[in-house]
N, C-alpha and C. Protein backbone atom coordinates (compact mmCIF):
# COMPACT_ATOMS: atom_id res chain seq x y z
N MET A 1 -26.21 0.71 4.57
CA MET A 1 -25.62 1.39 3.43
C MET A 1 -25.44 0.38 2.31
N ASN A 2 -25.95 0.69 1.16
CA ASN A 2 -25.79 -0.16 0.00
C ASN A 2 -24.53 0.28 -0.74
N ALA A 3 -23.44 -0.43 -0.53
CA ALA A 3 -22.15 -0.08 -1.12
C ALA A 3 -21.32 -1.34 -1.26
N HIS A 4 -20.21 -1.25 -1.95
CA HIS A 4 -19.30 -2.39 -2.05
C HIS A 4 -17.87 -1.89 -2.20
N LEU A 5 -16.93 -2.78 -1.88
CA LEU A 5 -15.50 -2.46 -1.98
C LEU A 5 -14.93 -3.02 -3.26
N SER A 6 -13.91 -2.35 -3.77
CA SER A 6 -13.13 -2.88 -4.88
C SER A 6 -11.68 -2.44 -4.71
N GLN A 7 -10.78 -3.25 -5.22
CA GLN A 7 -9.35 -2.92 -5.14
C GLN A 7 -9.03 -1.83 -6.15
N ILE A 8 -8.14 -0.93 -5.76
CA ILE A 8 -7.61 0.03 -6.74
C ILE A 8 -6.61 -0.74 -7.59
N PRO A 9 -6.76 -0.75 -8.91
CA PRO A 9 -5.84 -1.51 -9.76
C PRO A 9 -4.38 -1.12 -9.50
N ALA A 10 -3.54 -2.12 -9.36
CA ALA A 10 -2.13 -1.90 -9.01
C ALA A 10 -1.44 -0.95 -9.98
N GLN A 11 -1.82 -0.98 -11.25
CA GLN A 11 -1.16 -0.12 -12.23
C GLN A 11 -1.46 1.36 -12.00
N LEU A 12 -2.48 1.67 -11.21
CA LEU A 12 -2.80 3.06 -10.90
C LEU A 12 -2.06 3.58 -9.67
N ILE A 13 -1.36 2.68 -8.98
CA ILE A 13 -0.68 3.06 -7.74
C ILE A 13 0.81 3.19 -8.01
N THR A 14 1.34 4.37 -7.74
CA THR A 14 2.78 4.61 -7.86
C THR A 14 3.37 4.80 -6.48
N GLU A 15 4.67 4.79 -6.39
CA GLU A 15 5.32 5.03 -5.09
C GLU A 15 4.91 6.39 -4.53
N GLU A 16 4.76 7.38 -5.41
CA GLU A 16 4.33 8.71 -4.96
C GLU A 16 2.90 8.69 -4.43
N SER A 17 2.02 7.99 -5.13
CA SER A 17 0.60 8.01 -4.73
C SER A 17 0.36 7.22 -3.46
N ARG A 18 1.27 6.34 -3.10
CA ARG A 18 1.07 5.52 -1.90
C ARG A 18 1.01 6.38 -0.64
N GLY A 19 1.65 7.53 -0.65
CA GLY A 19 1.63 8.40 0.52
C GLY A 19 0.57 9.48 0.46
N GLN A 20 -0.36 9.37 -0.48
CA GLN A 20 -1.34 10.44 -0.67
C GLN A 20 -2.46 10.44 0.36
N PHE A 21 -2.66 9.35 1.07
CA PHE A 21 -3.74 9.27 2.04
C PHE A 21 -3.24 9.68 3.42
N GLY A 22 -3.96 10.57 4.06
CA GLY A 22 -3.62 10.96 5.42
C GLY A 22 -4.37 10.11 6.42
N PHE A 23 -3.75 9.86 7.57
CA PHE A 23 -4.40 9.07 8.61
C PHE A 23 -5.70 9.75 9.05
N ASP A 24 -6.74 8.96 9.18
CA ASP A 24 -8.03 9.50 9.62
C ASP A 24 -8.48 8.88 10.93
N ARG A 25 -8.48 7.57 11.03
CA ARG A 25 -8.94 6.89 12.24
C ARG A 25 -8.49 5.43 12.22
N TYR A 26 -8.76 4.71 13.29
CA TYR A 26 -8.34 3.32 13.43
C TYR A 26 -9.49 2.35 13.15
N ILE A 27 -9.08 1.14 12.79
CA ILE A 27 -10.00 0.01 12.70
C ILE A 27 -9.26 -1.16 13.34
N TYR A 28 -9.96 -2.00 14.07
CA TYR A 28 -9.31 -3.09 14.79
C TYR A 28 -9.73 -4.43 14.22
N GLY A 29 -8.77 -5.32 14.07
CA GLY A 29 -9.04 -6.67 13.59
C GLY A 29 -7.74 -7.42 13.43
N THR A 30 -7.86 -8.68 13.10
CA THR A 30 -6.67 -9.47 12.84
C THR A 30 -6.33 -9.40 11.35
N TYR A 31 -5.13 -9.79 11.02
CA TYR A 31 -4.74 -9.84 9.61
C TYR A 31 -5.68 -10.78 8.85
N ASN A 32 -5.97 -11.96 9.41
CA ASN A 32 -6.85 -12.92 8.73
C ASN A 32 -8.23 -12.33 8.49
N GLU A 33 -8.76 -11.58 9.46
CA GLU A 33 -10.07 -10.94 9.27
C GLU A 33 -10.02 -9.92 8.14
N MET A 34 -8.96 -9.14 8.09
CA MET A 34 -8.83 -8.13 7.03
C MET A 34 -8.76 -8.79 5.66
N VAL A 35 -8.04 -9.90 5.55
CA VAL A 35 -7.95 -10.60 4.26
C VAL A 35 -9.32 -11.14 3.86
N LYS A 36 -10.07 -11.67 4.82
CA LYS A 36 -11.42 -12.18 4.50
C LYS A 36 -12.34 -11.06 4.04
N LEU A 37 -12.19 -9.88 4.63
CA LEU A 37 -13.05 -8.75 4.26
C LEU A 37 -12.59 -8.02 3.01
N LEU A 38 -11.26 -7.84 2.88
CA LEU A 38 -10.71 -6.92 1.87
C LEU A 38 -9.99 -7.62 0.72
N GLY A 39 -9.75 -8.91 0.86
CA GLY A 39 -8.97 -9.63 -0.14
C GLY A 39 -7.48 -9.55 0.17
N LYS A 40 -6.68 -10.04 -0.75
CA LYS A 40 -5.23 -10.01 -0.54
C LYS A 40 -4.76 -8.56 -0.49
N PRO A 41 -3.75 -8.28 0.35
CA PRO A 41 -3.23 -6.91 0.43
C PRO A 41 -2.63 -6.46 -0.90
N THR A 42 -2.72 -5.17 -1.13
CA THR A 42 -2.08 -4.58 -2.30
C THR A 42 -0.57 -4.68 -2.16
N TYR A 43 -0.09 -4.47 -0.94
CA TYR A 43 1.35 -4.55 -0.64
C TYR A 43 1.55 -5.31 0.65
N LYS A 44 2.61 -6.10 0.68
CA LYS A 44 2.98 -6.82 1.89
C LYS A 44 4.50 -6.74 2.03
N THR A 45 4.99 -5.54 2.22
CA THR A 45 6.42 -5.31 2.37
C THR A 45 6.64 -4.16 3.34
N ARG A 46 7.83 -4.04 3.81
CA ARG A 46 8.17 -2.94 4.72
C ARG A 46 8.28 -1.66 3.90
N ILE A 47 7.52 -0.64 4.28
CA ILE A 47 7.52 0.64 3.56
C ILE A 47 8.02 1.72 4.50
N ARG A 48 9.10 2.35 4.12
CA ARG A 48 9.67 3.44 4.93
C ARG A 48 9.79 3.07 6.40
N ASN A 49 10.09 1.79 6.66
CA ASN A 49 10.25 1.28 8.03
C ASN A 49 9.04 1.52 8.91
N LYS A 50 7.86 1.62 8.34
CA LYS A 50 6.66 1.90 9.13
C LYS A 50 5.51 0.94 8.84
N THR A 51 5.30 0.56 7.61
CA THR A 51 4.13 -0.22 7.21
C THR A 51 4.56 -1.54 6.60
N THR A 52 3.92 -2.64 7.02
CA THR A 52 4.27 -3.94 6.46
C THR A 52 3.16 -4.55 5.61
N VAL A 53 1.93 -4.05 5.75
CA VAL A 53 0.82 -4.56 4.94
C VAL A 53 -0.13 -3.40 4.66
N GLU A 54 -0.64 -3.37 3.42
CA GLU A 54 -1.49 -2.24 3.02
C GLU A 54 -2.47 -2.68 1.95
N TRP A 55 -3.72 -2.24 2.11
CA TRP A 55 -4.76 -2.42 1.09
C TRP A 55 -5.11 -1.05 0.53
N ASN A 56 -5.19 -0.92 -0.77
CA ASN A 56 -5.63 0.31 -1.43
C ASN A 56 -6.96 -0.01 -2.10
N LEU A 57 -8.01 0.68 -1.66
CA LEU A 57 -9.37 0.29 -2.03
C LEU A 57 -10.22 1.48 -2.43
N TYR A 58 -11.32 1.15 -3.08
CA TYR A 58 -12.41 2.10 -3.31
C TYR A 58 -13.62 1.61 -2.53
N LEU A 59 -14.35 2.55 -1.94
CA LEU A 59 -15.69 2.27 -1.44
C LEU A 59 -16.63 2.86 -2.47
N ASN A 60 -17.39 1.99 -3.13
CA ASN A 60 -18.29 2.39 -4.20
C ASN A 60 -19.69 2.55 -3.63
N LEU A 61 -20.18 3.78 -3.58
CA LEU A 61 -21.48 4.07 -3.00
C LEU A 61 -22.58 3.94 -4.05
N GLU A 62 -23.81 3.75 -3.60
CA GLU A 62 -24.92 3.53 -4.52
C GLU A 62 -25.22 4.74 -5.39
N ASP A 63 -24.82 5.94 -4.95
CA ASP A 63 -25.06 7.14 -5.75
C ASP A 63 -23.99 7.36 -6.82
N GLY A 64 -23.06 6.40 -6.94
CA GLY A 64 -22.00 6.49 -7.94
C GLY A 64 -20.71 7.09 -7.42
N LYS A 65 -20.72 7.65 -6.25
CA LYS A 65 -19.50 8.22 -5.66
C LYS A 65 -18.53 7.10 -5.33
N GLN A 66 -17.26 7.35 -5.57
CA GLN A 66 -16.21 6.38 -5.30
C GLN A 66 -15.20 7.03 -4.36
N ILE A 67 -15.00 6.44 -3.18
CA ILE A 67 -14.08 6.98 -2.18
C ILE A 67 -12.83 6.11 -2.16
N ALA A 68 -11.68 6.71 -2.46
CA ALA A 68 -10.40 5.99 -2.42
C ALA A 68 -9.84 6.08 -1.00
N PHE A 69 -9.32 4.96 -0.50
CA PHE A 69 -8.73 4.93 0.84
C PHE A 69 -7.76 3.78 0.95
N SER A 70 -7.01 3.76 2.04
CA SER A 70 -6.11 2.64 2.31
C SER A 70 -6.28 2.19 3.75
N ILE A 71 -5.96 0.94 3.99
CA ILE A 71 -5.90 0.38 5.34
C ILE A 71 -4.51 -0.21 5.48
N TYR A 72 -3.83 0.14 6.56
CA TYR A 72 -2.43 -0.28 6.72
C TYR A 72 -2.08 -0.42 8.20
N ASP A 73 -1.00 -1.16 8.46
CA ASP A 73 -0.57 -1.46 9.83
C ASP A 73 0.60 -0.57 10.24
N TYR A 74 0.41 0.70 10.23
CA TYR A 74 1.48 1.66 10.52
C TYR A 74 2.15 1.40 11.86
N ASP A 75 3.46 1.24 11.82
CA ASP A 75 4.29 1.09 13.01
C ASP A 75 4.01 -0.18 13.81
N TYR A 76 3.44 -1.19 13.18
CA TYR A 76 3.25 -2.49 13.82
C TYR A 76 4.05 -3.49 13.03
N ASN A 77 4.86 -4.25 13.71
CA ASN A 77 5.79 -5.14 13.03
C ASN A 77 5.10 -6.36 12.44
N TYR A 78 5.01 -6.35 11.14
CA TYR A 78 4.62 -7.52 10.37
C TYR A 78 3.30 -8.14 10.84
N ALA A 79 2.21 -7.40 10.71
CA ALA A 79 0.89 -7.90 11.09
C ALA A 79 0.58 -9.22 10.39
N TYR A 80 1.08 -9.39 9.16
CA TYR A 80 0.76 -10.61 8.42
C TYR A 80 1.47 -11.84 8.97
N LEU A 81 2.47 -11.67 9.83
CA LEU A 81 3.12 -12.82 10.46
C LEU A 81 2.36 -13.28 11.69
N ASN A 82 1.63 -12.38 12.32
CA ASN A 82 0.81 -12.69 13.49
C ASN A 82 -0.65 -12.66 13.07
N LYS A 83 -1.03 -13.61 12.26
CA LYS A 83 -2.29 -13.57 11.54
C LYS A 83 -3.55 -13.50 12.41
N ASN A 84 -3.47 -13.99 13.64
CA ASN A 84 -4.66 -14.03 14.49
C ASN A 84 -4.59 -13.08 15.67
N THR A 85 -3.61 -12.19 15.67
CA THR A 85 -3.47 -11.21 16.74
C THR A 85 -4.19 -9.93 16.34
N CYS A 86 -4.98 -9.40 17.25
CA CYS A 86 -5.70 -8.16 16.96
C CYS A 86 -4.70 -7.04 16.75
N THR A 87 -4.89 -6.30 15.70
CA THR A 87 -3.99 -5.22 15.33
C THR A 87 -4.80 -3.95 15.16
N LYS A 88 -4.19 -2.84 15.48
CA LYS A 88 -4.80 -1.54 15.25
C LYS A 88 -4.36 -1.09 13.86
N PHE A 89 -5.24 -1.23 12.89
CA PHE A 89 -4.96 -0.80 11.53
C PHE A 89 -5.37 0.66 11.37
N HIS A 90 -4.67 1.35 10.51
CA HIS A 90 -4.98 2.75 10.21
C HIS A 90 -5.82 2.82 8.95
N ILE A 91 -6.76 3.76 8.92
CA ILE A 91 -7.47 4.09 7.69
C ILE A 91 -6.88 5.39 7.19
N GLY A 92 -6.39 5.35 5.98
CA GLY A 92 -5.87 6.56 5.35
C GLY A 92 -6.83 7.00 4.26
N ILE A 93 -7.05 8.29 4.18
CA ILE A 93 -8.04 8.81 3.23
C ILE A 93 -7.65 10.23 2.84
N LYS A 94 -8.05 10.65 1.66
CA LYS A 94 -7.76 12.02 1.21
C LYS A 94 -8.66 13.03 1.89
N SER A 95 -9.92 12.71 2.00
CA SER A 95 -10.92 13.65 2.50
C SER A 95 -11.41 13.22 3.88
N VAL A 96 -11.16 14.04 4.87
CA VAL A 96 -11.60 13.73 6.23
C VAL A 96 -13.11 13.54 6.29
N SER A 97 -13.84 14.27 5.48
CA SER A 97 -15.30 14.15 5.50
C SER A 97 -15.77 12.76 5.07
N ASP A 98 -14.96 12.05 4.29
CA ASP A 98 -15.32 10.69 3.88
C ASP A 98 -14.82 9.64 4.87
N GLY A 99 -13.97 10.03 5.80
CA GLY A 99 -13.37 9.08 6.74
C GLY A 99 -14.39 8.34 7.58
N LEU A 100 -15.39 9.04 8.09
CA LEU A 100 -16.40 8.40 8.92
C LEU A 100 -17.23 7.41 8.11
N THR A 101 -17.52 7.75 6.87
CA THR A 101 -18.28 6.83 5.99
C THR A 101 -17.53 5.53 5.81
N VAL A 102 -16.24 5.62 5.50
CA VAL A 102 -15.42 4.42 5.31
C VAL A 102 -15.31 3.65 6.62
N HIS A 103 -15.01 4.34 7.70
CA HIS A 103 -14.85 3.69 9.00
C HIS A 103 -16.12 2.93 9.39
N ASN A 104 -17.26 3.55 9.27
CA ASN A 104 -18.52 2.89 9.62
C ASN A 104 -18.80 1.69 8.74
N TYR A 105 -18.51 1.80 7.45
CA TYR A 105 -18.74 0.69 6.53
C TYR A 105 -17.87 -0.52 6.90
N ILE A 106 -16.57 -0.28 7.12
CA ILE A 106 -15.65 -1.37 7.46
C ILE A 106 -16.02 -1.96 8.82
N ASN A 107 -16.32 -1.11 9.80
CA ASN A 107 -16.72 -1.61 11.13
C ASN A 107 -17.96 -2.48 11.04
N ASN A 108 -18.94 -2.07 10.24
CA ASN A 108 -20.14 -2.88 10.07
C ASN A 108 -19.82 -4.23 9.44
N LEU A 109 -18.93 -4.24 8.46
CA LEU A 109 -18.51 -5.52 7.86
C LEU A 109 -17.88 -6.43 8.90
N ILE A 110 -16.98 -5.88 9.72
CA ILE A 110 -16.33 -6.67 10.76
C ILE A 110 -17.37 -7.24 11.72
N ASN A 111 -18.30 -6.40 12.15
CA ASN A 111 -19.33 -6.85 13.10
C ASN A 111 -20.25 -7.91 12.51
N GLU A 112 -20.55 -7.80 11.22
CA GLU A 112 -21.42 -8.77 10.57
C GLU A 112 -20.72 -10.12 10.39
N LYS A 113 -19.45 -10.08 10.03
CA LYS A 113 -18.72 -11.30 9.67
C LYS A 113 -18.07 -12.00 10.86
N PHE A 114 -17.71 -11.22 11.89
CA PHE A 114 -16.95 -11.82 13.00
C PHE A 114 -17.64 -11.54 14.27
């Protein structure tokens, strides 16, 4: 797949919009691997006592389609403190039909890099 990731600009993310993505599926990796793949997290704080680290991203497809999604450590205590421990990260997305596309893209990146 010819695509690339980009961060959703922080100014476009509000407290309300942070909860707009519904859980779709899991991705596995360490915090350090996620930072190498995705860049610095958009947020690294405790959110509603459930999430401690979160990336808000776009997957930009070659046909011009842009899929907004998030990756976060729901209900896992401070993934960023255990940087080399494998964590089950959640992929949150608005459209379930796009969930598999995002999941496969991120999984392929992990397999290529690690």
